[in-house]
Amino acid sequence: MKDNVILCKSMDFAVRVVNLYKYLSDEKKEYIMSKQLLRCGTSVGANAHEAVNGQSAKDFISKMHISLKEVGETEYWLTLLTRTNYLDAEQSQSIIYDCIELKRILTAIIKTTKAKID
């Protein structure tokens, strides 16, 4: 995992999401949106890890696409939590930047893999 950028970054991202979930549920007493955030935010890395052990290139691409979709959903929940004042812009800015970075990496991985199998 040390040499795999997406696995390392998605694990770090999941840790941030778990810590944010704990903050939202303990400090802000917000349980519904934060649970959604937890589910999709931790799913990014889970699907990336599963992709690495995929049965084929198409399976790999499919799992990476799921990771990409989960990042998009995570970004949605973060934006909603910010717009409903559970998070302020400063609190959400850094983790939203992580979403954008993960989307770029995942998109590049998917495009590169598709080019190799076409």
C-alpha atoms as a PDB file:
ATOM      1  CA  MET A   1       0.000   0.000   0.000  1.00  0.00           C
ATOM      2  CA  LYS A   2       2.947   2.340   0.605  1.00  0.00           C
ATOM      3  CA  ASP A   3       3.577   2.803  -3.114  1.00  0.00           C
ATOM      4  CA  ASN A   4      -0.058   3.016  -4.199  1.00  0.00           C
ATOM      5  CA  VAL A   5      -1.145   6.664  -4.144  1.00  0.00           C
ATOM      6  CA  ILE A   6      -4.887   6.057  -4.339  1.00  0.00           C
ATOM      7  CA  LEU A   7      -4.835   3.474  -1.558  1.00  0.00           C
ATOM      8  CA  CYS A   8      -2.828   5.739   0.743  1.00  0.00           C
ATOM      9  CA  LYS A   9      -4.842   8.878  -0.004  1.00  0.00           C
ATOM     10  CA  SER A  10      -8.197   7.126   0.262  1.00  0.00           C
ATOM     11  CA  MET A  11      -7.209   5.632   3.632  1.00  0.00           C
ATOM     12  CA  ASP A  12      -6.113   9.043   4.929  1.00  0.00           C
ATOM     13  CA  PHE A  13      -9.371  10.477   3.604  1.00  0.00           C
ATOM     14  CA  ALA A  14     -11.411   7.789   5.379  1.00  0.00           C
ATOM     15  CA  VAL A  15      -9.668   8.601   8.661  1.00  0.00           C
ATOM     16  CA  ARG A  16     -10.550  12.281   8.205  1.00  0.00           C
ATOM     17  CA  VAL A  17     -14.164  11.372   7.453  1.00  0.00           C
ATOM     18  CA  VAL A  18     -14.418   9.151  10.549  1.00  0.00           C
ATOM     19  CA  ASN A  19     -13.002  11.936  12.717  1.00  0.00           C
ATOM     20  CA  LEU A  20     -15.395  14.448  11.172  1.00  0.00           C
ATOM     21  CA  TYR A  21     -18.293  12.064  11.795  1.00  0.00           C
ATOM     22  CA  LYS A  22     -17.294  11.800  15.455  1.00  0.00           C
ATOM     23  CA  TYR A  23     -17.142  15.599  15.718  1.00  0.00           C
ATOM     24  CA  LEU A  24     -20.534  16.062  14.058  1.00  0.00           C
ATOM     25  CA  SER A  25     -22.289  13.441  16.150  1.00  0.00           C
ATOM     26  CA  ASP A  26     -20.612  14.285  19.474  1.00  0.00           C
ATOM     27  CA  GLU A  27     -20.294  18.068  19.280  1.00  0.00           C
ATOM     28  CA  LYS A  28     -23.000  19.153  16.847  1.00  0.00           C
ATOM     29  CA  LYS A  29     -25.484  16.357  17.603  1.00  0.00           C
ATOM     30  CA  GLU A  30     -26.069  15.805  13.891  1.00  0.00           C
ATOM     31  CA  TYR A  31     -26.724  12.157  13.054  1.00  0.00           C
ATOM     32  CA  ILE A  32     -28.477  11.793   9.697  1.00  0.00           C
ATOM     33  CA  MET A  33     -26.249  13.660   7.225  1.00  0.00           C
ATOM     34  CA  SER A  34     -23.098  12.728   9.120  1.00  0.00           C
ATOM     35  CA  LYS A  35     -23.992   9.021   8.864  1.00  0.00           C
ATOM     36  CA  GLN A  36     -24.392   9.419   5.101  1.00  0.00           C
ATOM     37  CA  LEU A  37     -21.031  11.191   5.001  1.00  0.00           C
ATOM     38  CA  LEU A  38     -19.444   8.349   6.960  1.00  0.00           C
ATOM     39  CA  ARG A  39     -20.827   5.701   4.628  1.00  0.00           C
ATOM     40  CA  CYS A  40     -19.770   7.249   1.343  1.00  0.00           C
ATOM     41  CA  GLY A  41     -16.528   8.777   2.622  1.00  0.00           C
ATOM     42  CA  THR A  42     -15.204   5.454   3.873  1.00  0.00           C
ATOM     43  CA  SER A  43     -16.517   3.599   0.828  1.00  0.00           C
ATOM     44  CA  VAL A  44     -14.066   5.433  -1.437  1.00  0.00           C
ATOM     45  CA  GLY A  45     -11.078   3.547  -0.038  1.00  0.00           C
ATOM     46  CA  ALA A  46     -12.940   0.282   0.424  1.00  0.00           C
ATOM     47  CA  ASN A  47     -13.797   0.168  -3.269  1.00  0.00           C
ATOM     48  CA  ALA A  48     -10.304   1.242  -4.316  1.00  0.00           C
ATOM     49  CA  HIS A  49      -8.841  -1.557  -2.205  1.00  0.00           C
ATOM     50  CA  GLU A  50     -11.291  -4.005  -3.731  1.00  0.00           C
ATOM     51  CA  ALA A  51     -10.380  -2.787  -7.231  1.00  0.00           C
ATOM     52  CA  VAL A  52      -6.713  -3.598  -6.693  1.00  0.00           C
ATOM     53  CA  ASN A  53      -7.733  -7.225  -6.204  1.00  0.00           C
ATOM     54  CA  GLY A  54     -10.184  -7.185  -9.115  1.00  0.00           C
ATOM     55  CA  GLN A  55     -10.695 -10.188 -11.311  1.00  0.00           C
ATOM     56  CA  SER A  56     -10.072  -8.292 -14.533  1.00  0.00           C
ATOM     57  CA  ALA A  57      -9.309  -4.852 -15.920  1.00  0.00           C
ATOM     58  CA  LYS A  58     -13.045  -4.282 -16.413  1.00  0.00           C
ATOM     59  CA  ASP A  59     -13.694  -5.224 -12.790  1.00  0.00           C
ATOM     60  CA  PHE A  60     -10.909  -2.859 -11.723  1.00  0.00           C
ATOM     61  CA  ILE A  61     -12.434  -0.012 -13.735  1.00  0.00           C
ATOM     62  CA  SER A  62     -15.891  -0.739 -12.372  1.00  0.00           C
ATOM     63  CA  LYS A  63     -14.699  -0.565  -8.751  1.00  0.00           C
ATOM     64  CA  MET A  64     -12.739   2.615  -9.429  1.00  0.00           C
ATOM     65  CA  HIS A  65     -15.875   4.132 -10.949  1.00  0.00           C
ATOM     66  CA  ILE A  66     -17.751   3.273  -7.760  1.00  0.00           C
ATOM     67  CA  SER A  67     -15.007   4.997  -5.749  1.00  0.00           C
ATOM     68  CA  LEU A  68     -15.346   8.047  -7.992  1.00  0.00           C
ATOM     69  CA  LYS A  69     -19.113   8.131  -7.460  1.00  0.00           C
ATOM     70  CA  GLU A  70     -18.637   7.830  -3.689  1.00  0.00           C
ATOM     71  CA  VAL A  71     -16.242  10.798  -3.703  1.00  0.00           C
ATOM     72  CA  GLY A  72     -18.875  12.834  -5.513  1.00  0.00           C
ATOM     73  CA  GLU A  73     -21.492  11.875  -2.953  1.00  0.00           C
ATOM     74  CA  THR A  74     -19.106  12.703  -0.116  1.00  0.00           C
ATOM     75  CA  GLU A  75     -18.547  16.145  -1.599  1.00  0.00           C
ATOM     76  CA  TYR A  76     -22.325  16.625  -1.755  1.00  0.00           C
ATOM     77  CA  TRP A  77     -22.806  15.813   1.944  1.00  0.00           C
ATOM     78  CA  LEU A  78     -19.909  18.055   2.926  1.00  0.00           C
ATOM     79  CA  THR A  79     -21.395  20.921   0.946  1.00  0.00           C
ATOM     80  CA  LEU A  80     -24.820  20.336   2.470  1.00  0.00           C
ATOM     81  CA  LEU A  81     -23.370  20.219   5.990  1.00  0.00           C
ATOM     82  CA  THR A  82     -21.631  23.508   5.267  1.00  0.00           C
ATOM     83  CA  ARG A  83     -24.683  25.192   3.770  1.00  0.00           C
ATOM     84  CA  THR A  84     -26.795  24.113   6.754  1.00  0.00           C
ATOM     85  CA  ASN A  85     -24.190  25.535   9.161  1.00  0.00           C
ATOM     86  CA  TYR A  86     -23.093  22.276  10.769  1.00  0.00           C
ATOM     87  CA  LEU A  87     -19.656  23.044   9.342  1.00  0.00           C
ATOM     88  CA  ASP A  88     -18.208  26.409   8.535  1.00  0.00           C
ATOM     89  CA  ALA A  89     -16.382  27.068   5.273  1.00  0.00           C
ATOM     90  CA  GLU A  90     -12.996  26.846   6.949  1.00  0.00           C
ATOM     91  CA  GLN A  91     -13.809  23.438   8.443  1.00  0.00           C
ATOM     92  CA  SER A  92     -15.000  21.980   5.153  1.00  0.00           C
ATOM     93  CA  GLN A  93     -12.565  23.611   2.725  1.00  0.00           C
ATOM     94  CA  SER A  94      -9.647  21.257   3.302  1.00  0.00           C
ATOM     95  CA  ILE A  95     -11.637  18.028   3.137  1.00  0.00           C
ATOM     96  CA  ILE A  96     -13.529  19.226   0.057  1.00  0.00           C
ATOM     97  CA  TYR A  97     -10.128  19.886  -1.537  1.00  0.00           C
ATOM     98  CA  ASP A  98      -9.262  16.258  -0.712  1.00  0.00           C
ATOM     99  CA  CYS A  99     -12.429  15.187  -2.559  1.00  0.00           C
ATOM    100  CA  ILE A 100     -11.361  17.151  -5.614  1.00  0.00           C
ATOM    101  CA  GLU A 101      -7.883  15.629  -5.489  1.00  0.00           C
ATOM    102  CA  LEU A 102      -9.292  12.101  -5.150  1.00  0.00           C
ATOM    103  CA  LYS A 103     -11.628  12.708  -8.093  1.00  0.00           C
ATOM    104  CA  ARG A 104      -8.675  13.797 -10.249  1.00  0.00           C
ATOM    105  CA  ILE A 105      -6.611  10.768  -9.279  1.00  0.00           C
ATOM    106  CA  LEU A 106      -9.473   8.317  -9.798  1.00  0.00           C
ATOM    107  CA  THR A 107     -10.382   9.865 -13.152  1.00  0.00           C
ATOM    108  CA  ALA A 108      -6.766   9.568 -14.308  1.00  0.00           C
ATOM    109  CA  ILE A 109      -6.589   5.939 -13.158  1.00  0.00           C
ATOM    110  CA  ILE A 110      -9.804   5.075 -14.996  1.00  0.00           C
ATOM    111  CA  LYS A 111      -8.735   6.829 -18.217  1.00  0.00           C
ATOM    112  CA  THR A 112      -5.281   5.241 -18.168  1.00  0.00           C
ATOM    113  CA  THR A 113      -6.654   1.766 -17.541  1.00  0.00           C
ATOM    114  CA  LYS A 114      -9.286   2.125 -20.263  1.00  0.00           C
ATOM    115  CA  ALA A 115      -6.611   3.252 -22.731  1.00  0.00           C
ATOM    116  CA  LYS A 116      -4.543   0.167 -21.938  1.00  0.00           C
ATOM    117  CA  ILE A 117      -7.379  -2.274 -22.603  1.00  0.00           C
ATOM    118  CA  ASP A 118      -8.772  -0.581 -25.746  1.00  0.00           C
END
